[in-house]
Amino acid sequence: MALLVTKKDRNLLLGSRIISEYPVLVKFIKTTPNLQDTELHLLDEETKRFFKNIYRKVLNQASKEWV
């Protein structure tokens, strides 16, 4: 069991430009930053789809912004 968005990833994302393109991620980070990955089923459908399909790509892009 781990955080869905780790503190390290949250800081990286909040300091990136790409996050502005994903309001669903901004909302998630501000409202439920400590949600466990096993609790994904508790989220609304849009947020679940985001984490299943897009989150890793956004995190990768945010990381590239800092390289």
N, C-alpha and C. Protein backbone atom coordinates (compact mmCIF):
# COMPACT_ATOMS: atom_id res chain seq x y z
N MET A 1 0.85 -1.18 0.00
CA MET A 1 0.00 0.00 0.00
C MET A 1 0.90 1.24 0.00
N ALA A 2 0.62 2.16 -0.91
CA ALA A 2 1.42 3.36 -1.05
C ALA A 2 0.51 4.53 -1.44
N LEU A 3 1.05 5.71 -1.29
CA LEU A 3 0.29 6.89 -1.70
C LEU A 3 0.09 6.88 -3.21
N LEU A 4 -1.06 7.31 -3.63
CA LEU A 4 -1.34 7.42 -5.06
C LEU A 4 -0.41 8.45 -5.71
N VAL A 5 -0.20 9.56 -5.01
CA VAL A 5 0.75 10.59 -5.44
C VAL A 5 1.69 10.83 -4.26
N THR A 6 2.96 10.47 -4.41
CA THR A 6 3.91 10.64 -3.32
C THR A 6 4.20 12.12 -3.09
N LYS A 7 4.75 12.42 -1.94
CA LYS A 7 5.09 13.80 -1.61
C LYS A 7 6.10 14.35 -2.62
N LYS A 8 7.07 13.54 -2.99
CA LYS A 8 8.08 13.95 -3.97
C LYS A 8 7.42 14.28 -5.31
N ASP A 9 6.53 13.40 -5.77
CA ASP A 9 5.83 13.63 -7.04
C ASP A 9 4.92 14.84 -6.96
N ARG A 10 4.25 15.01 -5.83
CA ARG A 10 3.36 16.16 -5.64
C ARG A 10 4.15 17.46 -5.77
N ASN A 11 5.31 17.54 -5.13
CA ASN A 11 6.14 18.74 -5.21
C ASN A 11 6.61 18.99 -6.64
N LEU A 12 7.00 17.93 -7.32
CA LEU A 12 7.44 18.04 -8.71
C LEU A 12 6.30 18.57 -9.58
N LEU A 13 5.13 18.00 -9.43
CA LEU A 13 3.97 18.41 -10.23
C LEU A 13 3.55 19.84 -9.95
N LEU A 14 3.51 20.21 -8.68
CA LEU A 14 3.08 21.56 -8.33
C LEU A 14 4.04 22.63 -8.83
N GLY A 15 5.29 22.25 -9.06
CA GLY A 15 6.27 23.19 -9.59
C GLY A 15 6.40 23.16 -11.10
N SER A 16 5.57 22.38 -11.75
CA SER A 16 5.66 22.25 -13.21
C SER A 16 4.59 23.06 -13.91
N ARG A 17 4.81 23.31 -15.19
CA ARG A 17 3.83 24.04 -16.00
C ARG A 17 2.73 23.13 -16.51
N ILE A 18 3.05 21.87 -16.72
CA ILE A 18 2.08 20.94 -17.33
C ILE A 18 0.84 20.74 -16.47
N ILE A 19 0.98 20.88 -15.18
CA ILE A 19 -0.15 20.62 -14.28
C ILE A 19 -1.33 21.55 -14.59
N SER A 20 -1.06 22.73 -15.11
CA SER A 20 -2.15 23.67 -15.42
C SER A 20 -3.08 23.13 -16.51
N GLU A 21 -2.61 22.17 -17.28
CA GLU A 21 -3.43 21.57 -18.34
C GLU A 21 -4.35 20.46 -17.82
N TYR A 22 -4.20 20.09 -16.55
CA TYR A 22 -4.96 18.99 -15.97
C TYR A 22 -5.63 19.40 -14.67
N PRO A 23 -6.74 20.12 -14.76
CA PRO A 23 -7.43 20.57 -13.54
C PRO A 23 -7.86 19.42 -12.63
N VAL A 24 -8.11 18.26 -13.19
CA VAL A 24 -8.49 17.11 -12.37
C VAL A 24 -7.35 16.73 -11.43
N LEU A 25 -6.11 16.87 -11.87
CA LEU A 25 -4.95 16.57 -11.04
C LEU A 25 -4.75 17.65 -9.98
N VAL A 26 -4.91 18.90 -10.37
CA VAL A 26 -4.79 20.00 -9.41
C VAL A 26 -5.81 19.83 -8.29
N LYS A 27 -7.04 19.54 -8.65
CA LYS A 27 -8.10 19.34 -7.66
C LYS A 27 -7.76 18.17 -6.74
N PHE A 28 -7.30 17.07 -7.32
CA PHE A 28 -6.95 15.90 -6.51
C PHE A 28 -5.86 16.24 -5.50
N ILE A 29 -4.80 16.88 -5.95
CA ILE A 29 -3.68 17.20 -5.07
C ILE A 29 -4.12 18.12 -3.93
N LYS A 30 -5.00 19.06 -4.23
CA LYS A 30 -5.45 19.99 -3.20
C LYS A 30 -6.46 19.39 -2.23
N THR A 31 -7.26 18.43 -2.68
CA THR A 31 -8.33 17.91 -1.82
C THR A 31 -8.02 16.58 -1.17
N THR A 32 -7.26 15.71 -1.83
CA THR A 32 -6.99 14.38 -1.27
C THR A 32 -5.54 13.97 -1.49
N PRO A 33 -4.59 14.72 -0.96
CA PRO A 33 -3.18 14.43 -1.24
C PRO A 33 -2.66 13.14 -0.62
N ASN A 34 -3.33 12.61 0.38
CA ASN A 34 -2.82 11.42 1.08
C ASN A 34 -3.61 10.15 0.79
N LEU A 35 -4.25 10.10 -0.35
CA LEU A 35 -5.03 8.92 -0.72
C LEU A 35 -4.10 7.77 -1.10
N GLN A 36 -4.40 6.60 -0.61
CA GLN A 36 -3.61 5.41 -0.91
C GLN A 36 -3.97 4.87 -2.28
N ASP A 37 -3.04 4.19 -2.91
CA ASP A 37 -3.32 3.62 -4.24
C ASP A 37 -4.42 2.56 -4.20
N THR A 38 -4.61 1.94 -3.06
CA THR A 38 -5.67 0.94 -2.92
C THR A 38 -7.05 1.57 -2.79
N GLU A 39 -7.10 2.89 -2.64
CA GLU A 39 -8.37 3.60 -2.48
C GLU A 39 -8.81 4.30 -3.77
N LEU A 40 -8.18 3.97 -4.87
CA LEU A 40 -8.52 4.58 -6.15
C LEU A 40 -10.00 4.43 -6.47
N HIS A 41 -10.59 3.33 -6.09
CA HIS A 41 -12.00 3.07 -6.37
C HIS A 41 -12.94 4.09 -5.70
N LEU A 42 -12.45 4.84 -4.73
CA LEU A 42 -13.27 5.83 -4.03
C LEU A 42 -13.44 7.13 -4.82
N LEU A 43 -12.65 7.31 -5.85
CA LEU A 43 -12.66 8.55 -6.62
C LEU A 43 -13.74 8.53 -7.70
N ASP A 44 -14.07 9.72 -8.20
CA ASP A 44 -15.05 9.81 -9.29
C ASP A 44 -14.45 9.21 -10.56
N GLU A 45 -15.28 8.90 -11.52
CA GLU A 45 -14.85 8.20 -12.74
C GLU A 45 -13.79 8.98 -13.52
N GLU A 46 -13.95 10.28 -13.64
CA GLU A 46 -12.98 11.08 -14.39
C GLU A 46 -11.59 10.99 -13.76
N THR A 47 -11.53 11.07 -12.45
CA THR A 47 -10.25 11.01 -11.75
C THR A 47 -9.65 9.61 -11.85
N LYS A 48 -10.47 8.58 -11.74
CA LYS A 48 -9.98 7.22 -11.90
C LYS A 48 -9.37 7.02 -13.28
N ARG A 49 -10.07 7.47 -14.32
CA ARG A 49 -9.55 7.34 -15.68
C ARG A 49 -8.23 8.10 -15.85
N PHE A 50 -8.18 9.28 -15.26
CA PHE A 50 -6.96 10.07 -15.34
C PHE A 50 -5.78 9.29 -14.76
N PHE A 51 -5.95 8.74 -13.57
CA PHE A 51 -4.84 8.02 -12.94
C PHE A 51 -4.51 6.72 -13.66
N LYS A 52 -5.47 6.08 -14.23
CA LYS A 52 -5.20 4.84 -14.95
C LYS A 52 -4.54 5.07 -16.30
N ASN A 53 -4.87 6.17 -16.97
CA ASN A 53 -4.44 6.36 -18.35
C ASN A 53 -3.45 7.48 -18.61
N ILE A 54 -3.44 8.53 -17.78
CA ILE A 54 -2.69 9.72 -18.12
C ILE A 54 -1.64 10.11 -17.08
N TYR A 55 -1.86 9.79 -15.84
CA TYR A 55 -1.01 10.29 -14.75
C TYR A 55 0.48 10.06 -14.99
N ARG A 56 0.88 8.88 -15.35
CA ARG A 56 2.32 8.58 -15.54
C ARG A 56 2.93 9.45 -16.65
N LYS A 57 2.17 9.71 -17.69
CA LYS A 57 2.65 10.55 -18.78
C LYS A 57 2.86 11.99 -18.30
N VAL A 58 1.92 12.49 -17.51
CA VAL A 58 2.02 13.85 -16.97
C VAL A 58 3.21 13.94 -16.02
N LEU A 59 3.37 12.95 -15.16
CA LEU A 59 4.49 12.93 -14.23
C LEU A 59 5.82 12.89 -14.98
N ASN A 60 5.89 12.10 -16.03
CA ASN A 60 7.09 12.02 -16.85
C ASN A 60 7.39 13.37 -17.50
N GLN A 61 6.37 14.02 -18.03
CA GLN A 61 6.56 15.33 -18.66
C GLN A 61 7.00 16.38 -17.64
N ALA A 62 6.41 16.35 -16.45
CA ALA A 62 6.81 17.28 -15.40
C ALA A 62 8.28 17.09 -15.04
N SER A 63 8.71 15.86 -14.99
CA SER A 63 10.10 15.54 -14.70
C SER A 63 11.03 16.10 -15.78
N LYS A 64 10.60 15.97 -17.03
CA LYS A 64 11.41 16.48 -18.15
C LYS A 64 11.54 18.00 -18.11
N GLU A 65 10.53 18.67 -17.56
CA GLU A 65 10.59 20.13 -17.46
C GLU A 65 11.77 20.57 -16.60
N TRP A 66 12.14 19.74 -15.64
CA TRP A 66 13.19 20.09 -14.70
C TRP A 66 14.57 19.61 -15.15
N VAL A 67 14.64 18.87 -16.23
CA VAL A 67 15.94 18.36 -16.69
C VAL A 67 16.68 19.44 -17.45
